[in-house]
Amino acid sequence: QWATIRIEKGAEKPQPQISKTPAANGIIERIETSMEEEIARLNEVNYEFSDIFYFCRKGFEAIVDDAVTQRFSSEELLSWNLLTRTNVNFRYISLRLTIVWVIGVVVRYCFLLPLRITLAAIGISSMIVGTTLVGQLPNSSVKNYLSELVHLTCSRILVRALSGTIHYHNKENRPKKGGICVANHTSPIDAIILTNDGCYAMVGQVHGGLMGVIQRATVKACPHVWFERSEIKDRHLVMKRLREHVADKSKLPILIFPEGTCINNTSVMMFKKGSFEIGGTIYPVAIKYDPQFGDAFWNSSKYNIVSYLLRIMTSWAIVCNVWYLPPMVREEDEDAVHFANRVRSAIARQGGLTELPWDGGLKRAKVKDTFREEQQKNYSRMLVRNGSIG
């Protein structure tokens, strides 16, 4: 009886027209209604048992089409790019396309790959040797000049090794010395993409293997800041070093990826507030790769750095656009979190990316209990406000 009454009530009200076009990036069609709007609609009368269906629907949507987990896997393509990976919606096998794919495999693996490996070996070895030698010099303007020359030259060789085609926009907004450059993060090559057009003092987590060798060599010639993410004391030391670096207007701009992990270039996730508590001018940069020519996303949970580099060096090319956005400063009445969100929104708008409030740490960790409790408190407040309790 209560179900019949609810249906009759709903029939009396005009129902919103729902688009029949399936979502471009999902496997189900979501009803984009906020919790506040839905609770206000449901609670025009007192709470009824059928109101839980809203939460059931949202739960099913989250399980079937998880908006967060999608960002840690390769972006789906609208059409096949003749590489190994294809779209889950396309399963038709064509003899002509198969022949073209085989020819492409021969070209990519027998011709492009050896050339790219040679260029990469030259670039990496030159970077390690060059920065090591420059690091032996005493601090002076000559050392700084040679360090920038080595970084620029080796980065450009490495971009050639990836068959990189990069389009830089609004170069008048390029980060200046004494500033902080923040960008969305898709791959370790993001740093190479940016240093191809200018030098930076980079900040990042300590890695092992080949990446660790490069980090230890480059830090000798340039004041890069590498840290262990798990050590709390190290974090305070990093913040101190960053503030000292920003205070010196003669030093290179700092390059930071505030997401803290690689996202698949369809979205921008939560920016860590630490980067925005340092002070100084923020220079936002938006990086958008074209997946039709090669997948630049690094799923570090699935591939190590060597296998990842092999994957992108056997793709057709790395094509991307880089936008330098106007510099931004923190307002007097603005805290670090709101400032970080404002910068993130600017990057997302320019790069055509989706904003997600979630921490990129969910790539390897579960949702914190405090976050769930906060959502429960919000729901309770809405129920009380709408007169359903009491």
Protein backbone atom coordinates (compact mmCIF):
# COMPACT_ATOMS: atom_id res chain seq x y z
CA GLN A 1 0.00 0.00 0.00
CA TRP A 2 2.77 2.47 0.89
CA ALA A 3 4.52 1.73 -2.41
CA THR A 4 1.32 2.40 -4.35
CA ILE A 5 0.83 5.71 -2.55
CA ARG A 6 4.42 6.77 -3.32
CA ILE A 7 3.97 5.91 -6.99
CA GLU A 8 0.72 7.88 -7.16
CA LYS A 9 2.41 10.87 -5.51
CA GLY A 10 5.21 10.69 -8.02
CA ALA A 11 2.78 10.45 -10.94
CA GLU A 12 1.14 13.72 -9.90
CA LYS A 13 4.42 15.60 -10.32
CA PRO A 14 6.07 16.17 -13.72
CA GLN A 15 9.02 13.85 -14.04
CA PRO A 16 12.30 15.25 -15.38
CA GLN A 17 13.30 14.04 -18.82
CA ILE A 18 16.32 11.80 -18.64
CA SER A 19 18.71 11.82 -21.55
CA LYS A 20 18.83 8.54 -23.45
CA THR A 21 22.38 9.18 -24.56
CA PRO A 22 24.73 6.86 -22.66
CA ALA A 23 27.51 8.43 -20.64
CA ALA A 24 30.68 8.84 -22.63
CA ASN A 25 33.02 7.65 -19.91
CA GLY A 26 30.87 5.16 -18.02
CA ILE A 27 29.01 1.88 -18.48
CA ILE A 28 25.81 3.04 -16.77
CA GLU A 29 23.74 6.21 -16.90
CA ARG A 30 23.94 8.15 -13.67
CA ILE A 31 21.30 10.51 -12.34
CA GLU A 32 23.34 13.56 -11.39
CA THR A 33 21.52 14.67 -8.25
CA SER A 34 23.28 15.84 -5.12
CA MET A 35 22.42 14.38 -1.73
CA GLU A 36 21.11 17.75 -0.54
CA GLU A 37 18.68 18.06 -3.47
CA GLU A 38 17.48 14.49 -3.14
CA ILE A 39 16.94 14.70 0.62
CA ALA A 40 15.01 17.97 0.18
CA ARG A 41 12.76 16.30 -2.40
CA LEU A 42 12.23 13.12 -0.37
CA ASN A 43 11.48 14.99 2.82
CA GLU A 44 8.61 17.12 1.58
CA VAL A 45 6.74 14.70 3.85
CA ASN A 46 8.05 12.78 6.83
CA TYR A 47 10.58 10.02 6.38
CA GLU A 48 9.23 6.91 4.69
CA PHE A 49 10.80 3.52 4.23
CA SER A 50 10.96 3.93 0.46
CA ASP A 51 13.42 6.82 0.85
CA ILE A 52 16.27 4.35 1.26
CA PHE A 53 15.98 3.51 -2.44
CA TYR A 54 17.95 6.67 -3.22
CA PHE A 55 20.92 5.32 -1.26
CA CYS A 56 20.49 1.87 -2.79
CA ARG A 57 20.69 3.41 -6.26
CA LYS A 58 23.78 5.45 -5.37
CA GLY A 59 25.39 2.33 -3.92
CA PHE A 60 24.74 0.34 -7.09
CA GLU A 61 26.16 3.17 -9.19
CA ALA A 62 29.32 3.30 -7.07
CA ILE A 63 29.87 -0.46 -7.35
CA VAL A 64 29.05 -0.86 -11.04
CA ASP A 65 30.74 2.30 -12.29
CA ASP A 66 33.32 3.42 -9.71
CA ALA A 67 34.36 6.96 -10.69
CA VAL A 68 37.58 6.77 -8.64
CA THR A 69 38.99 3.36 -9.61
CA GLN A 70 38.52 4.23 -13.29
CA ARG A 71 41.15 6.95 -12.91
CA PHE A 72 43.82 4.38 -12.07
CA SER A 73 43.46 2.39 -15.29
CA SER A 74 44.15 3.34 -18.89
CA GLU A 75 41.71 5.68 -20.55
CA GLU A 76 39.28 3.98 -22.92
CA LEU A 77 39.57 5.00 -26.56
CA LEU A 78 36.78 6.00 -28.93
CA SER A 79 38.45 4.01 -31.71
CA TRP A 80 41.34 1.56 -31.98
CA ASN A 81 44.77 3.15 -32.43
CA LEU A 82 46.37 -0.03 -33.85
CA LEU A 83 48.22 -0.70 -30.61
CA THR A 84 47.70 -3.72 -28.36
CA ARG A 85 45.10 -2.09 -26.11
CA THR A 86 41.66 -1.46 -27.53
CA ASN A 87 38.26 -0.31 -26.30
CA VAL A 88 36.08 -2.82 -24.45
CA ASN A 89 33.13 -1.83 -26.66
CA PHE A 90 34.86 -2.84 -29.90
CA ARG A 91 35.39 -6.56 -30.52
CA TYR A 92 34.98 -6.84 -34.30
CA ILE A 93 38.03 -8.40 -35.95
CA SER A 94 38.83 -7.16 -39.46
CA LEU A 95 41.30 -8.92 -41.73
CA ARG A 96 42.45 -5.62 -43.24
CA LEU A 97 43.00 -4.03 -39.85
CA THR A 98 44.87 -7.14 -38.72
CA ILE A 99 47.25 -6.84 -41.67
CA VAL A 100 47.78 -3.13 -40.96
CA TRP A 101 48.37 -3.94 -37.27
CA VAL A 102 51.02 -6.54 -38.13
CA ILE A 103 52.80 -4.03 -40.38
CA GLY A 104 52.63 -1.53 -37.54
CA VAL A 105 54.17 -4.03 -35.13
CA VAL A 106 57.09 -4.55 -37.51
CA VAL A 107 57.61 -0.79 -37.87
CA ARG A 108 57.31 -0.05 -34.13
CA TYR A 109 59.42 -2.93 -32.83
CA CYS A 110 61.99 -3.38 -35.61
CA PHE A 111 62.63 0.23 -36.62
CA LEU A 112 61.33 2.74 -34.07
CA LEU A 113 62.17 0.82 -30.89
CA PRO A 114 65.93 0.35 -31.59
CA LEU A 115 66.25 4.02 -32.56
CA ARG A 116 64.37 5.16 -29.48
CA ILE A 117 66.37 2.91 -27.15
CA THR A 118 69.59 4.34 -28.60
CA LEU A 119 68.42 7.92 -28.06
CA ALA A 120 67.15 7.11 -24.55
CA ALA A 121 70.49 5.50 -23.62
CA ILE A 122 72.33 8.58 -24.90
CA GLY A 123 70.01 10.93 -23.02
CA ILE A 124 70.06 9.04 -19.70
CA SER A 125 73.81 8.41 -19.72
CA SER A 126 74.45 12.04 -20.67
CA MET A 127 72.18 13.17 -17.85
CA ILE A 128 73.94 10.99 -15.25
CA VAL A 129 77.48 11.80 -16.41
CA GLY A 130 76.81 15.48 -17.08
CA THR A 131 75.10 16.22 -13.75
CA THR A 132 77.74 14.24 -11.86
CA LEU A 133 80.55 16.27 -13.43
CA VAL A 134 78.75 19.59 -12.96
CA GLY A 135 78.06 18.64 -9.36
CA GLN A 136 81.80 18.60 -8.65
CA LEU A 137 82.07 22.33 -9.41
CA PRO A 138 81.79 24.93 -6.63
CA ASN A 139 78.54 26.85 -6.38
CA SER A 140 78.63 29.72 -8.85
CA SER A 141 76.80 31.22 -11.79
CA VAL A 142 78.88 29.02 -14.11
CA LYS A 143 77.68 25.87 -12.33
CA ASN A 144 74.07 27.01 -12.56
CA TYR A 145 74.45 27.74 -16.27
CA LEU A 146 76.04 24.37 -17.01
CA SER A 147 73.42 22.57 -14.91
CA GLU A 148 70.59 24.18 -16.86
CA LEU A 149 72.35 23.41 -20.14
CA VAL A 150 72.74 19.72 -19.23
CA HIS A 151 69.14 19.39 -18.08
CA LEU A 152 67.70 21.09 -21.17
CA THR A 153 69.89 19.18 -23.64
CA CYS A 154 69.28 15.76 -22.08
CA SER A 155 65.54 16.38 -21.69
CA ARG A 156 65.24 17.26 -25.37
CA ILE A 157 67.12 14.09 -26.34
CA LEU A 158 64.74 12.04 -24.17
CA VAL A 159 61.71 13.72 -25.74
CA ARG A 160 63.07 12.71 -29.16
CA ALA A 161 63.44 9.16 -27.84
CA LEU A 162 59.68 9.14 -27.16
CA SER A 163 58.86 10.70 -30.54
CA GLY A 164 57.35 13.48 -28.49
CA THR A 165 55.22 16.11 -30.19
CA ILE A 166 54.52 18.82 -27.65
CA HIS A 167 52.52 21.99 -28.16
CA TYR A 168 53.23 24.72 -25.58
CA HIS A 169 50.58 27.41 -25.17
CA ASN A 170 50.75 30.84 -23.52
CA LYS A 171 54.52 30.84 -23.04
CA GLU A 172 54.33 34.32 -21.55
CA ASN A 173 53.03 32.62 -18.38
CA ARG A 174 56.01 30.28 -17.99
CA PRO A 175 57.10 29.86 -14.34
CA LYS A 176 59.72 32.34 -13.17
CA LYS A 177 62.53 31.91 -10.69
CA GLY A 178 61.47 31.92 -7.07
CA GLY A 179 58.01 30.57 -7.96
CA ILE A 180 56.25 27.22 -7.66
CA CYS A 181 55.03 25.34 -10.72
CA VAL A 182 52.17 22.88 -10.06
CA ALA A 183 50.73 20.52 -12.68
CA ASN A 184 48.45 17.53 -12.99
CA HIS A 185 50.32 14.21 -12.94
CA THR A 186 49.98 11.38 -15.44
CA SER A 187 53.44 9.94 -15.88
CA PRO A 188 57.11 10.30 -14.85
CA ILE A 189 57.69 11.80 -18.28
CA ASP A 190 55.64 14.84 -17.20
CA ALA A 191 58.87 16.24 -15.78
CA ILE A 192 60.68 15.64 -19.08
CA ILE A 193 57.83 17.25 -21.01
CA LEU A 194 58.14 20.41 -18.91
CA THR A 195 61.96 20.55 -18.68
CA ASN A 196 62.03 20.34 -22.46
CA ASP A 197 60.87 23.97 -22.38
CA GLY A 198 62.62 25.19 -19.22
CA CYS A 199 64.53 24.10 -16.12
CA TYR A 200 63.00 23.33 -12.73
CA ALA A 201 64.04 22.24 -9.28
CA MET A 202 61.91 19.13 -8.85
CA VAL A 203 60.25 17.77 -5.73
CA GLY A 204 59.24 14.14 -5.48
CA GLN A 205 59.37 10.80 -3.77
CA VAL A 206 62.56 8.75 -3.68
CA HIS A 207 62.50 5.84 -6.13
CA GLY A 208 64.67 2.81 -6.56
CA GLY A 209 66.20 1.22 -9.65
CA LEU A 210 66.92 3.31 -12.74
CA MET A 211 64.83 6.24 -11.52
CA GLY A 212 66.78 6.29 -8.25
CA VAL A 213 70.11 6.41 -10.11
CA ILE A 214 68.92 9.43 -12.11
CA GLN A 215 67.62 11.16 -8.97
CA ARG A 216 70.90 10.73 -7.08
CA ALA A 217 72.88 12.06 -10.05
CA THR A 218 70.75 15.11 -10.84
CA VAL A 219 70.57 16.30 -7.23
CA LYS A 220 74.34 16.89 -7.31
CA ALA A 221 74.01 19.61 -9.96
CA CYS A 222 70.63 21.12 -9.12
CA PRO A 223 68.83 21.58 -5.75
CA HIS A 224 66.14 18.98 -6.37
CA VAL A 225 64.27 17.80 -3.27
CA TRP A 226 63.72 14.04 -2.95
CA PHE A 227 62.01 12.65 0.14
CA GLU A 228 60.68 9.47 1.72
CA ARG A 229 56.89 9.85 1.89
CA SER A 230 56.56 7.57 4.92
CA GLU A 231 58.87 9.58 7.18
CA ILE A 232 57.07 12.34 9.09
CA LYS A 233 60.29 14.06 10.15
CA ASP A 234 61.39 14.15 6.52
CA ARG A 235 58.21 16.04 5.60
CA HIS A 236 58.99 18.89 8.00
CA LEU A 237 62.52 19.08 6.63
CA VAL A 238 61.17 19.20 3.08
CA MET A 239 58.81 22.07 3.91
CA LYS A 240 61.68 23.99 5.47
CA ARG A 241 63.89 23.47 2.42
CA LEU A 242 61.10 24.50 0.07
CA ARG A 243 60.44 27.73 1.96
CA GLU A 244 64.13 28.56 1.86
CA HIS A 245 64.20 27.79 -1.87
CA VAL A 246 61.21 30.04 -2.63
CA ALA A 247 62.69 32.86 -0.56
CA ASP A 248 65.71 32.95 -2.90
CA LYS A 249 64.47 34.61 -6.10
CA SER A 250 67.63 33.61 -7.97
CA LYS A 251 66.85 29.87 -7.78
CA LEU A 252 64.94 27.85 -10.36
CA PRO A 253 61.16 27.50 -9.94
CA ILE A 254 60.06 24.43 -8.01
CA LEU A 255 58.12 21.76 -9.92
CA ILE A 256 55.51 19.93 -7.82
CA PHE A 257 52.79 17.43 -8.71
CA PRO A 258 50.33 17.97 -5.81
CA GLU A 259 48.19 14.89 -6.59
CA GLY A 260 51.01 12.72 -5.29
CA THR A 261 50.37 9.88 -7.75
CA CYS A 262 49.74 9.31 -11.44
CA ILE A 263 46.15 9.70 -12.71
CA ASN A 264 45.06 8.53 -16.18
CA ASN A 265 44.77 12.06 -17.64
CA THR A 266 40.98 12.12 -17.67
CA SER A 267 40.67 13.79 -14.26
CA VAL A 268 42.39 15.89 -11.65
CA MET A 269 42.17 14.52 -8.12
CA MET A 270 42.69 16.23 -4.78
CA PHE A 271 45.75 18.48 -4.47
CA LYS A 272 47.73 18.02 -1.26
CA LYS A 273 47.64 21.28 0.68
CA GLY A 274 51.33 21.17 1.68
CA SER A 275 52.43 22.62 -1.65
CA PHE A 276 50.20 25.63 -1.09
CA GLU A 277 51.38 26.42 2.44
CA ILE A 278 54.92 27.27 1.34
CA GLY A 279 54.08 30.76 0.15
CA GLY A 280 55.18 32.48 -3.04
CA THR A 281 53.58 32.64 -6.46
CA ILE A 282 51.91 29.55 -7.92
CA TYR A 283 52.26 28.93 -11.66
CA PRO A 284 49.60 26.36 -12.71
CA VAL A 285 50.29 24.14 -15.72
CA ALA A 286 47.78 21.85 -17.45
CA ILE A 287 49.08 18.79 -19.34
CA LYS A 288 46.78 16.85 -21.66
CA TYR A 289 47.99 13.81 -23.64
CA ASP A 290 46.40 12.49 -26.82
CA PRO A 291 45.74 8.76 -26.20
CA GLN A 292 45.23 8.06 -29.90
CA PHE A 293 48.98 7.93 -30.46
CA GLY A 294 50.15 6.33 -27.22
CA ASP A 295 49.07 5.79 -23.62
CA ALA A 296 51.26 7.97 -21.38
CA PHE A 297 49.59 6.89 -18.11
CA TRP A 298 51.84 4.98 -15.68
CA ASN A 299 50.00 2.46 -13.55
CA SER A 300 52.78 2.07 -10.99
CA SER A 301 50.85 -0.70 -9.22
CA LYS A 302 51.02 -2.83 -12.36
CA TYR A 303 54.23 -1.87 -14.20
CA ASN A 304 57.71 -0.98 -13.02
CA ILE A 305 59.49 1.95 -14.63
CA VAL A 306 61.44 -0.15 -17.18
CA SER A 307 58.39 -2.06 -18.48
CA TYR A 308 56.44 1.20 -18.57
CA LEU A 309 59.11 2.92 -20.67
CA LEU A 310 59.14 -0.09 -23.01
CA ARG A 311 55.38 0.27 -23.48
CA ILE A 312 55.48 3.94 -24.41
CA MET A 313 58.58 3.51 -26.59
CA THR A 314 56.69 0.95 -28.68
CA SER A 315 53.72 3.27 -29.18
CA TRP A 316 53.36 5.53 -32.20
CA ALA A 317 54.27 8.76 -30.44
CA ILE A 318 53.69 10.85 -27.33
CA VAL A 319 51.52 13.80 -28.31
CA CYS A 320 50.41 16.34 -25.74
CA ASN A 321 49.42 19.94 -25.13
CA VAL A 322 50.86 22.04 -22.32
CA TRP A 323 49.11 25.19 -21.17
CA TYR A 324 50.89 27.74 -18.96
CA LEU A 325 48.19 29.43 -16.89
CA PRO A 326 48.42 32.93 -15.38
CA PRO A 327 50.18 33.01 -11.99
CA MET A 328 48.01 32.76 -8.90
CA VAL A 329 48.60 33.94 -5.33
CA ARG A 330 46.90 33.00 -2.09
CA GLU A 331 44.39 35.56 -0.86
CA GLU A 332 44.56 36.91 2.67
CA ASP A 333 41.38 35.22 3.93
CA GLU A 334 41.98 31.99 2.00
CA ASP A 335 43.32 28.82 3.62
CA ALA A 336 45.64 26.35 1.86
CA VAL A 337 42.85 23.87 1.07
CA HIS A 338 40.66 26.40 -0.73
CA PHE A 339 43.66 27.80 -2.56
CA ALA A 340 44.63 24.29 -3.71
CA ASN A 341 41.08 23.67 -4.94
CA ARG A 342 41.07 26.97 -6.84
CA VAL A 343 44.32 26.09 -8.60
CA ARG A 344 43.06 22.58 -9.36
CA SER A 345 39.86 23.98 -10.88
CA ALA A 346 41.85 26.27 -13.17
CA ILE A 347 43.99 23.36 -14.38
CA ALA A 348 40.94 21.12 -14.91
CA ARG A 349 39.09 23.75 -16.93
CA GLN A 350 42.02 24.45 -19.21
CA GLY A 351 42.90 20.78 -19.79
CA GLY A 352 39.31 19.61 -20.21
CA LEU A 353 39.67 17.30 -17.20
CA THR A 354 37.14 16.17 -14.59
CA GLU A 355 37.55 17.40 -11.02
CA LEU A 356 37.37 14.73 -8.31
CA PRO A 357 37.60 15.57 -4.58
CA TRP A 358 39.18 12.21 -3.75
CA ASP A 359 42.72 11.70 -2.50
CA GLY A 360 44.97 9.97 -5.02
CA GLY A 361 46.20 7.84 -2.12
CA LEU A 362 43.07 5.71 -2.68
CA LYS A 363 45.10 4.09 -5.43
CA ARG A 364 46.69 1.93 -2.75
CA ALA A 365 44.66 2.63 0.42
CA LYS A 366 41.07 2.39 1.62
CA VAL A 367 38.76 5.28 2.36
CA LYS A 368 39.46 6.73 5.81
CA ASP A 369 36.89 6.17 8.53
CA THR A 370 36.82 9.89 9.24
CA PHE A 371 35.63 10.59 5.68
CA ARG A 372 32.73 8.13 6.02
CA GLU A 373 31.82 9.61 9.38
CA GLU A 374 31.77 13.10 7.86
CA GLN A 375 29.30 11.97 5.18
CA GLN A 376 27.10 10.38 7.87
CA LYS A 377 27.11 13.63 9.83
CA ASN A 378 26.14 15.59 6.70
CA TYR A 379 23.21 13.24 6.11
CA SER A 380 22.05 13.56 9.73
CA ARG A 381 22.17 17.35 9.55
CA MET A 382 20.09 17.33 6.36
CA LEU A 383 17.46 15.08 7.93
CA VAL A 384 17.18 17.36 10.97
CA ARG A 385 17.06 20.48 8.78
CA ASN A 386 14.25 19.03 6.71
CA GLY A 387 12.21 18.12 9.77
CA SER A 388 12.40 14.33 9.42
CA ILE A 389 13.73 13.79 12.96
CA GLY A 390 12.54 15.21 16.20
